[in-house]
Amino acid sequence: MVALEEEARRVTLATLAEIAQTSADTIRGGQRLREDLGMDSLQSLELLSTIGEALKIDLDIEEAMGIQTVDDACAFVTRKYKEQKADGSAVRG
């Protein structure tokens, strides 16, 4: 399970860095997506879509509404990734 967690976090951070146009090395867990990284709602949708495609999972927009920080995003993606890999519902590529 640690490998899944690491992969989910790596993909989430890399995608955040790309969308926020910054280096993944400069992103910190407590940073807020809107206030600190400057992401708007369209970029948040792009984030979910890109991560979902990369990990081949479905990320529900409604469930993601409470995400505020980088750590929130990583935790959400990790939870959904582990759930969908465990029950075999991950999107087939």
N, C-alpha and C. Protein backbone atom coordinates (compact mmCIF):
# COMPACT_ATOMS: atom_id res chain seq x y z
N MET A 1 0.81 -1.20 0.00
CA MET A 1 0.00 0.00 0.00
C MET A 1 0.86 1.27 0.00
N VAL A 2 2.06 1.19 0.54
CA VAL A 2 2.93 2.37 0.58
C VAL A 2 3.24 2.82 -0.85
N ALA A 3 3.44 1.88 -1.75
CA ALA A 3 3.74 2.24 -3.14
C ALA A 3 2.59 3.02 -3.76
N LEU A 4 1.35 2.63 -3.47
CA LEU A 4 0.19 3.35 -3.99
C LEU A 4 0.15 4.77 -3.44
N GLU A 5 0.42 4.90 -2.15
CA GLU A 5 0.41 6.23 -1.52
C GLU A 5 1.48 7.12 -2.13
N GLU A 6 2.67 6.57 -2.33
CA GLU A 6 3.77 7.35 -2.90
C GLU A 6 3.46 7.76 -4.33
N GLU A 7 2.90 6.84 -5.11
CA GLU A 7 2.56 7.15 -6.50
C GLU A 7 1.47 8.23 -6.56
N ALA A 8 0.45 8.10 -5.72
CA ALA A 8 -0.63 9.09 -5.70
C ALA A 8 -0.09 10.46 -5.34
N ARG A 9 0.77 10.53 -4.33
CA ARG A 9 1.34 11.82 -3.92
C ARG A 9 2.25 12.39 -5.00
N ARG A 10 3.07 11.56 -5.61
CA ARG A 10 3.98 12.00 -6.66
C ARG A 10 3.20 12.59 -7.84
N VAL A 11 2.18 11.88 -8.29
CA VAL A 11 1.38 12.35 -9.42
C VAL A 11 0.64 13.63 -9.05
N THR A 12 0.09 13.69 -7.84
CA THR A 12 -0.64 14.88 -7.40
C THR A 12 0.28 16.10 -7.36
N LEU A 13 1.45 15.95 -6.77
CA LEU A 13 2.39 17.08 -6.67
C LEU A 13 2.90 17.51 -8.05
N ALA A 14 3.20 16.56 -8.90
CA ALA A 14 3.69 16.89 -10.24
C ALA A 14 2.61 17.63 -11.03
N THR A 15 1.38 17.18 -10.91
CA THR A 15 0.27 17.82 -11.63
C THR A 15 0.00 19.21 -11.07
N LEU A 16 0.02 19.33 -9.76
CA LEU A 16 -0.15 20.65 -9.14
C LEU A 16 0.93 21.62 -9.62
N ALA A 17 2.16 21.16 -9.65
CA ALA A 17 3.27 22.01 -10.08
C ALA A 17 3.08 22.46 -11.52
N GLU A 18 2.67 21.54 -12.37
CA GLU A 18 2.47 21.87 -13.78
C GLU A 18 1.36 22.91 -13.94
N ILE A 19 0.23 22.69 -13.28
CA ILE A 19 -0.91 23.60 -13.41
C ILE A 19 -0.61 24.96 -12.78
N ALA A 20 0.05 24.95 -11.63
CA ALA A 20 0.39 26.20 -10.94
C ALA A 20 1.64 26.86 -11.52
N GLN A 21 2.25 26.21 -12.49
CA GLN A 21 3.45 26.71 -13.15
C GLN A 21 4.56 27.03 -12.16
N THR A 22 4.88 26.02 -11.35
CA THR A 22 5.95 26.14 -10.37
C THR A 22 6.68 24.81 -10.30
N SER A 23 7.70 24.74 -9.50
CA SER A 23 8.45 23.51 -9.32
C SER A 23 7.82 22.67 -8.21
N ALA A 24 7.76 21.37 -8.42
CA ALA A 24 7.20 20.48 -7.39
C ALA A 24 8.00 20.58 -6.10
N ASP A 25 9.28 20.92 -6.20
CA ASP A 25 10.13 21.05 -5.01
C ASP A 25 9.72 22.22 -4.11
N THR A 26 9.03 23.19 -4.67
CA THR A 26 8.64 24.36 -3.89
C THR A 26 7.26 24.22 -3.25
N ILE A 27 6.53 23.17 -3.62
CA ILE A 27 5.18 22.98 -3.10
C ILE A 27 5.25 22.32 -1.73
N ARG A 28 4.49 22.87 -0.78
CA ARG A 28 4.45 22.36 0.60
C ARG A 28 3.03 21.94 0.95
N GLY A 29 2.92 20.98 1.81
CA GLY A 29 1.63 20.40 2.17
C GLY A 29 0.58 21.36 2.68
N GLY A 30 1.00 22.35 3.43
CA GLY A 30 0.05 23.29 4.02
C GLY A 30 -0.38 24.42 3.10
N GLN A 31 0.22 24.47 1.92
CA GLN A 31 -0.16 25.54 0.99
C GLN A 31 -1.60 25.37 0.53
N ARG A 32 -2.31 26.50 0.45
CA ARG A 32 -3.70 26.48 -0.02
C ARG A 32 -3.70 26.61 -1.54
N LEU A 33 -4.55 25.81 -2.17
CA LEU A 33 -4.57 25.78 -3.63
C LEU A 33 -4.92 27.14 -4.23
N ARG A 34 -5.94 27.78 -3.70
CA ARG A 34 -6.36 29.08 -4.25
C ARG A 34 -5.44 30.21 -3.81
N GLU A 35 -5.34 30.39 -2.52
CA GLU A 35 -4.65 31.55 -1.98
C GLU A 35 -3.14 31.53 -2.19
N ASP A 36 -2.51 30.36 -2.00
CA ASP A 36 -1.05 30.29 -2.08
C ASP A 36 -0.53 29.90 -3.47
N LEU A 37 -1.27 29.02 -4.16
CA LEU A 37 -0.81 28.56 -5.47
C LEU A 37 -1.54 29.27 -6.61
N GLY A 38 -2.56 30.07 -6.27
CA GLY A 38 -3.25 30.87 -7.27
C GLY A 38 -4.16 30.10 -8.21
N MET A 39 -4.59 28.92 -7.80
CA MET A 39 -5.45 28.11 -8.67
C MET A 39 -6.89 28.61 -8.63
N ASP A 40 -7.52 28.61 -9.80
CA ASP A 40 -8.93 28.97 -9.87
C ASP A 40 -9.75 27.69 -10.06
N SER A 41 -11.07 27.83 -10.18
CA SER A 41 -11.94 26.66 -10.25
C SER A 41 -11.68 25.83 -11.51
N LEU A 42 -11.38 26.48 -12.61
CA LEU A 42 -11.09 25.75 -13.84
C LEU A 42 -9.81 24.92 -13.69
N GLN A 43 -8.82 25.49 -13.05
CA GLN A 43 -7.58 24.76 -12.81
C GLN A 43 -7.80 23.59 -11.85
N SER A 44 -8.70 23.76 -10.91
CA SER A 44 -9.02 22.67 -9.98
C SER A 44 -9.65 21.50 -10.73
N LEU A 45 -10.53 21.80 -11.69
CA LEU A 45 -11.12 20.75 -12.52
C LEU A 45 -10.06 20.07 -13.37
N GLU A 46 -9.16 20.87 -13.92
CA GLU A 46 -8.05 20.33 -14.71
C GLU A 46 -7.18 19.41 -13.85
N LEU A 47 -6.96 19.81 -12.61
CA LEU A 47 -6.17 19.01 -11.68
C LEU A 47 -6.80 17.63 -11.50
N LEU A 48 -8.10 17.60 -11.19
CA LEU A 48 -8.79 16.33 -10.98
C LEU A 48 -8.77 15.47 -12.24
N SER A 49 -9.04 16.08 -13.37
CA SER A 49 -9.07 15.36 -14.63
C SER A 49 -7.70 14.76 -14.98
N THR A 50 -6.66 15.57 -14.85
CA THR A 50 -5.31 15.12 -15.20
C THR A 50 -4.83 14.01 -14.27
N ILE A 51 -5.08 14.16 -12.98
CA ILE A 51 -4.69 13.12 -12.02
C ILE A 51 -5.48 11.85 -12.28
N GLY A 52 -6.77 11.99 -12.52
CA GLY A 52 -7.60 10.82 -12.81
C GLY A 52 -7.10 10.05 -14.02
N GLU A 53 -6.74 10.77 -15.08
CA GLU A 53 -6.19 10.13 -16.28
C GLU A 53 -4.86 9.45 -15.99
N ALA A 54 -4.00 10.13 -15.26
CA ALA A 54 -2.66 9.59 -14.98
C ALA A 54 -2.72 8.31 -14.15
N LEU A 55 -3.61 8.31 -13.15
CA LEU A 55 -3.71 7.14 -12.26
C LEU A 55 -4.79 6.16 -12.69
N LYS A 56 -5.54 6.53 -13.73
CA LYS A 56 -6.63 5.69 -14.24
C LYS A 56 -7.69 5.44 -13.17
N ILE A 57 -8.11 6.54 -12.52
CA ILE A 57 -9.16 6.47 -11.50
C ILE A 57 -10.18 7.58 -11.76
N ASP A 58 -11.35 7.42 -11.15
CA ASP A 58 -12.39 8.44 -11.22
C ASP A 58 -12.32 9.28 -9.96
N LEU A 59 -12.24 10.59 -10.13
CA LEU A 59 -12.23 11.53 -9.01
C LEU A 59 -13.48 12.38 -9.11
N ASP A 60 -14.40 12.19 -8.18
CA ASP A 60 -15.68 12.87 -8.20
C ASP A 60 -15.53 14.33 -7.76
N ILE A 61 -16.05 15.23 -8.57
CA ILE A 61 -15.95 16.66 -8.30
C ILE A 61 -16.66 17.02 -7.00
N GLU A 62 -17.83 16.46 -6.79
CA GLU A 62 -18.60 16.76 -5.57
C GLU A 62 -17.80 16.39 -4.32
N GLU A 63 -17.16 15.23 -4.35
CA GLU A 63 -16.38 14.78 -3.19
C GLU A 63 -15.15 15.65 -2.98
N ALA A 64 -14.65 16.24 -4.04
CA ALA A 64 -13.41 17.02 -3.97
C ALA A 64 -13.64 18.47 -3.55
N MET A 65 -14.87 18.87 -3.35
CA MET A 65 -15.19 20.27 -3.06
C MET A 65 -14.52 20.79 -1.78
N GLY A 66 -14.25 19.93 -0.83
CA GLY A 66 -13.66 20.36 0.43
C GLY A 66 -12.15 20.50 0.41
N ILE A 67 -11.53 20.17 -0.69
CA ILE A 67 -10.07 20.25 -0.78
C ILE A 67 -9.63 21.71 -0.74
N GLN A 68 -8.75 22.02 0.20
CA GLN A 68 -8.25 23.39 0.31
C GLN A 68 -6.73 23.47 0.20
N THR A 69 -6.04 22.46 0.72
CA THR A 69 -4.59 22.50 0.75
C THR A 69 -3.98 21.39 -0.11
N VAL A 70 -2.68 21.48 -0.30
CA VAL A 70 -1.95 20.45 -1.02
C VAL A 70 -2.11 19.10 -0.30
N ASP A 71 -1.99 19.11 1.02
CA ASP A 71 -2.16 17.87 1.78
C ASP A 71 -3.56 17.29 1.63
N ASP A 72 -4.58 18.17 1.59
CA ASP A 72 -5.96 17.71 1.36
C ASP A 72 -6.06 17.00 0.01
N ALA A 73 -5.46 17.61 -1.00
CA ALA A 73 -5.50 17.03 -2.35
C ALA A 73 -4.80 15.68 -2.38
N CYS A 74 -3.64 15.59 -1.77
CA CYS A 74 -2.90 14.33 -1.74
C CYS A 74 -3.68 13.25 -1.00
N ALA A 75 -4.27 13.61 0.12
CA ALA A 75 -5.04 12.64 0.91
C ALA A 75 -6.26 12.16 0.14
N PHE A 76 -6.96 13.07 -0.53
CA PHE A 76 -8.13 12.70 -1.32
C PHE A 76 -7.75 11.76 -2.45
N VAL A 77 -6.73 12.11 -3.21
CA VAL A 77 -6.31 11.27 -4.34
C VAL A 77 -5.83 9.91 -3.84
N THR A 78 -5.06 9.89 -2.76
CA THR A 78 -4.58 8.62 -2.21
C THR A 78 -5.74 7.74 -1.78
N ARG A 79 -6.71 8.31 -1.10
CA ARG A 79 -7.86 7.53 -0.63
C ARG A 79 -8.63 6.95 -1.81
N LYS A 80 -8.91 7.76 -2.82
CA LYS A 80 -9.67 7.28 -3.98
C LYS A 80 -8.87 6.24 -4.77
N TYR A 81 -7.57 6.45 -4.88
CA TYR A 81 -6.70 5.53 -5.61
C TYR A 81 -6.68 4.16 -4.92
N LYS A 82 -6.50 4.17 -3.60
CA LYS A 82 -6.48 2.91 -2.85
C LYS A 82 -7.83 2.20 -2.92
N GLU A 83 -8.92 2.96 -2.77
CA GLU A 83 -10.26 2.37 -2.84
C GLU A 83 -10.50 1.71 -4.19
N GLN A 84 -10.19 2.43 -5.25
CA GLN A 84 -10.50 1.93 -6.58
C GLN A 84 -9.57 0.80 -7.01
N LYS A 85 -8.34 0.84 -6.57
CA LYS A 85 -7.42 -0.27 -6.87
C LYS A 85 -7.84 -1.53 -6.09
N ALA A 86 -8.27 -1.33 -4.84
CA ALA A 86 -8.65 -2.46 -3.99
C ALA A 86 -9.90 -3.18 -4.51
N ASP A 87 -10.88 -2.39 -4.98
CA ASP A 87 -12.12 -3.03 -5.41
C ASP A 87 -12.18 -3.24 -6.93
N GLY A 88 -11.11 -2.92 -7.62
CA GLY A 88 -11.04 -3.17 -9.04
C GLY A 88 -11.85 -2.21 -9.89
N SER A 89 -12.29 -1.09 -9.32
CA SER A 89 -13.12 -0.16 -10.08
C SER A 89 -12.31 0.92 -10.79
N ALA A 90 -11.00 0.83 -10.69
CA ALA A 90 -10.16 1.82 -11.38
C ALA A 90 -10.44 1.75 -12.87
N VAL A 91 -10.39 2.88 -13.52
CA VAL A 91 -10.66 2.97 -14.95
C VAL A 91 -9.62 2.16 -15.70
N ARG A 92 -10.07 1.41 -16.62
CA ARG A 92 -9.15 0.60 -17.45
C ARG A 92 -8.60 1.46 -18.57
N GLY A 93 -7.29 1.40 -18.80
CA GLY A 93 -6.65 2.20 -19.82
C GLY A 93 -6.62 1.49 -21.09
